[in-house]
Amino acid sequence: LKASAAEVTVSKEERIKQVHHLFILDCSGSMTYQLGQIRTDLYNKISTLMKPEDSVTIVWFSSRGECGILVEDFRLKSNISLTQLRTLIERELHPRGLTAFKDPLVESKKIIARVSAKNKDVVHSLFFLTDGHDNQYSEKEILSSISELKPLLVSAAIIEYGYYCNRKLLSEMSMEV
């Protein structure tokens, strides 16, 4: 089948104007040896990925009920703001507690709602970085939580650090989203 030029042309109004990059980072105790690399990778990814109109949110997590927002809907205005973000990443992302995947996924849905309320044209991209096994929630609860994010995202990456991840669960999360 051949498509006409009119059928495949995307108007300027339909092009993506702003991407909200949402990073979810495992800061559990098992991340002690991985967090240095994750901090470096996170900073490098943000500094090369983001266009001036894009924004970033960074969520950390550890045990059940322990997750937090490092920055929400943050925009890079200059090299100074990039340096400030790097300082914040270095200072605040440190290992603590156990591993609970569900809480940051639930929080991410709320964050996406807040960011979307401010800008209806924004699209959301998710990066989930971990080295471990969730030891707080069932796989069913985790998959249900990520399933709720699926219609809100244009892209997602589930990223494994280290060699001891629950690869089966991470694969199922990837397939679900």
Protein backbone atom coordinates (compact mmCIF):
# COMPACT_ATOMS: atom_id res chain seq x y z
CA LEU A 1 0.00 0.00 0.00
CA LYS A 2 1.19 3.48 -0.80
CA ALA A 3 0.38 6.46 1.36
CA SER A 4 -0.02 9.83 -0.20
CA ALA A 5 2.10 12.72 1.03
CA ALA A 6 -1.00 14.28 2.57
CA GLU A 7 -1.62 11.17 4.65
CA VAL A 8 1.84 11.09 6.25
CA THR A 9 2.54 14.79 6.64
CA VAL A 10 2.32 16.04 10.21
CA SER A 11 1.29 19.64 10.68
CA LYS A 12 3.35 21.98 12.86
CA GLU A 13 0.50 22.06 15.38
CA GLU A 14 0.59 18.27 15.71
CA ARG A 15 4.31 18.05 16.42
CA ILE A 16 5.41 17.53 19.98
CA LYS A 17 6.16 20.89 21.52
CA GLN A 18 7.15 19.97 25.05
CA VAL A 19 8.29 16.73 26.66
CA HIS A 20 8.11 16.16 30.39
CA HIS A 21 10.87 13.66 31.24
CA LEU A 22 10.03 11.72 34.40
CA PHE A 23 12.91 9.82 36.03
CA ILE A 24 12.16 7.32 38.81
CA LEU A 25 15.32 6.28 40.67
CA ASP A 26 15.84 3.40 43.06
CA CYS A 27 17.66 4.75 46.14
CA SER A 28 17.34 1.60 48.25
CA GLY A 29 20.27 0.29 50.27
CA SER A 30 21.24 -2.17 47.55
CA MET A 31 21.96 0.81 45.29
CA THR A 32 25.01 1.78 47.36
CA TYR A 33 27.39 0.70 44.60
CA GLN A 34 25.20 1.82 41.67
CA LEU A 35 24.05 5.31 42.72
CA GLY A 36 27.30 7.01 41.77
CA GLN A 37 26.93 5.74 38.21
CA ILE A 38 23.20 6.56 38.17
CA ARG A 39 23.86 10.14 39.33
CA THR A 40 26.41 10.58 36.54
CA ASP A 41 24.17 8.94 33.93
CA LEU A 42 21.17 10.99 35.06
CA TYR A 43 23.03 14.27 34.83
CA ASN A 44 24.49 13.40 31.41
CA LYS A 45 21.10 12.24 30.08
CA ILE A 46 19.31 15.38 31.26
CA SER A 47 22.00 17.70 29.90
CA THR A 48 21.87 16.12 26.43
CA LEU A 49 18.20 15.06 26.20
CA MET A 50 16.33 18.19 27.10
CA LYS A 51 15.35 20.86 24.65
CA PRO A 52 14.76 24.40 26.02
CA GLU A 53 10.98 23.87 26.20
CA ASP A 54 11.22 20.47 27.94
CA SER A 55 11.01 19.82 31.67
CA VAL A 56 12.21 17.12 34.03
CA THR A 57 10.91 15.54 37.22
CA ILE A 58 13.11 13.31 39.37
CA VAL A 59 11.48 10.95 41.86
CA TRP A 60 13.53 8.77 44.23
CA PHE A 61 12.23 5.73 46.09
CA SER A 62 13.23 3.16 48.65
CA SER A 63 11.01 1.37 51.22
CA ARG A 64 7.20 1.26 51.30
CA GLY A 65 5.95 4.81 51.80
CA GLU A 66 9.40 6.27 51.18
CA CYS A 67 9.59 8.18 47.94
CA GLY A 68 10.16 11.82 47.24
CA ILE A 69 10.32 14.39 44.51
CA LEU A 70 13.77 15.87 43.96
CA VAL A 71 12.49 18.34 41.33
CA GLU A 72 9.14 18.61 39.58
CA ASP A 73 8.53 20.10 36.14
CA PHE A 74 12.01 21.68 36.27
CA ARG A 75 13.23 23.57 33.21
CA LEU A 76 16.83 24.26 32.33
CA LYS A 77 17.07 28.00 31.84
CA SER A 78 20.87 28.25 31.72
CA ASN A 79 24.12 26.51 32.56
CA ILE A 80 23.61 27.80 36.10
CA SER A 81 20.35 25.89 36.49
CA LEU A 82 22.04 22.76 35.10
CA THR A 83 24.83 23.17 37.67
CA GLN A 84 22.26 23.66 40.44
CA LEU A 85 20.46 20.49 39.32
CA ARG A 86 23.72 18.55 39.35
CA THR A 87 24.45 19.74 42.89
CA LEU A 88 20.98 18.68 44.00
CA ILE A 89 21.36 15.25 42.36
CA GLU A 90 24.75 14.70 44.05
CA ARG A 91 23.51 15.86 47.45
CA GLU A 92 20.09 14.21 47.66
CA LEU A 93 20.30 10.87 45.86
CA HIS A 94 21.82 8.50 48.41
CA PRO A 95 21.04 4.90 49.47
CA ARG A 96 18.49 4.16 52.18
CA GLY A 97 15.91 1.51 53.10
CA LEU A 98 14.40 -1.37 51.16
CA THR A 99 12.86 -1.51 47.65
CA ALA A 100 9.24 -0.64 46.83
CA PHE A 101 8.36 -0.02 43.16
CA LYS A 102 4.65 0.79 43.59
CA ASP A 103 4.83 4.07 45.53
CA PRO A 104 6.80 6.09 42.96
CA LEU A 105 4.57 4.76 40.17
CA VAL A 106 1.47 5.95 42.03
CA GLU A 107 3.16 9.30 42.74
CA SER A 108 4.12 9.62 39.07
CA LYS A 109 0.47 9.49 38.04
CA LYS A 110 -0.23 12.45 40.37
CA ILE A 111 2.79 14.34 39.03
CA ILE A 112 1.68 13.82 35.43
CA ALA A 113 -1.78 15.15 36.33
CA ARG A 114 -0.26 18.30 37.89
CA VAL A 115 2.10 18.93 34.97
CA SER A 116 -0.68 18.29 32.42
CA ALA A 117 -3.03 20.68 34.25
CA LYS A 118 -0.52 23.49 33.63
CA ASN A 119 0.09 22.56 30.00
CA LYS A 120 -2.38 20.49 27.97
CA ASP A 121 0.08 20.07 25.07
CA VAL A 122 2.86 18.41 27.09
CA VAL A 123 3.68 14.74 26.57
CA HIS A 124 5.29 12.49 29.18
CA SER A 125 8.25 10.15 28.94
CA LEU A 126 9.19 7.77 31.78
CA PHE A 127 12.58 6.36 32.83
CA PHE A 128 12.54 3.81 35.68
CA LEU A 129 16.01 2.87 37.00
CA THR A 130 16.64 0.06 39.50
CA ASP A 131 19.08 -2.64 40.51
CA GLY A 132 16.80 -4.80 42.54
CA HIS A 133 13.85 -6.83 43.54
CA ASP A 134 10.80 -5.18 45.03
CA ASN A 135 10.50 -6.61 48.54
CA GLN A 136 7.48 -4.60 49.66
CA TYR A 137 4.65 -5.16 47.15
CA SER A 138 3.29 -8.01 45.06
CA GLU A 139 3.99 -8.20 41.35
CA LYS A 140 0.25 -7.80 40.73
CA GLU A 141 0.20 -4.48 42.62
CA ILE A 142 3.25 -3.20 40.77
CA LEU A 143 1.95 -4.19 37.34
CA SER A 144 -1.42 -2.63 38.14
CA SER A 145 0.29 0.64 39.08
CA ILE A 146 2.38 0.79 35.93
CA SER A 147 -0.65 -0.17 33.84
CA GLU A 148 -2.39 2.99 35.05
CA LEU A 149 0.50 5.07 33.68
CA LYS A 150 0.38 3.51 30.21
CA PRO A 151 -2.25 5.83 28.66
CA LEU A 152 -0.43 8.89 30.04
CA LEU A 153 2.95 8.18 28.42
CA VAL A 154 4.38 8.52 24.92
CA SER A 155 7.47 6.50 25.84
CA ALA A 156 8.93 4.52 28.71
CA ALA A 157 12.22 2.83 29.54
CA ILE A 158 12.73 0.36 32.37
CA ILE A 159 16.47 0.32 33.02
CA GLU A 160 18.35 -2.35 34.93
CA TYR A 161 21.52 -1.50 36.84
CA GLY A 162 23.73 -4.27 38.13
CA TYR A 163 23.24 -8.00 37.82
CA TYR A 164 20.73 -8.88 40.52
CA CYS A 165 17.50 -7.34 39.26
CA ASN A 166 14.25 -9.16 39.09
CA ARG A 167 14.59 -9.30 35.32
CA LYS A 168 11.28 -11.14 34.94
CA LEU A 169 9.35 -8.39 36.73
CA LEU A 170 11.19 -5.60 34.89
CA SER A 171 10.38 -7.30 31.58
CA GLU A 172 6.73 -7.59 32.57
CA MET A 173 6.71 -3.90 33.56
CA SER A 174 8.20 -3.01 30.19
CA MET A 175 5.63 -5.07 28.35
CA GLU A 176 2.79 -3.59 30.39
CA VAL A 177 3.74 0.02 29.75
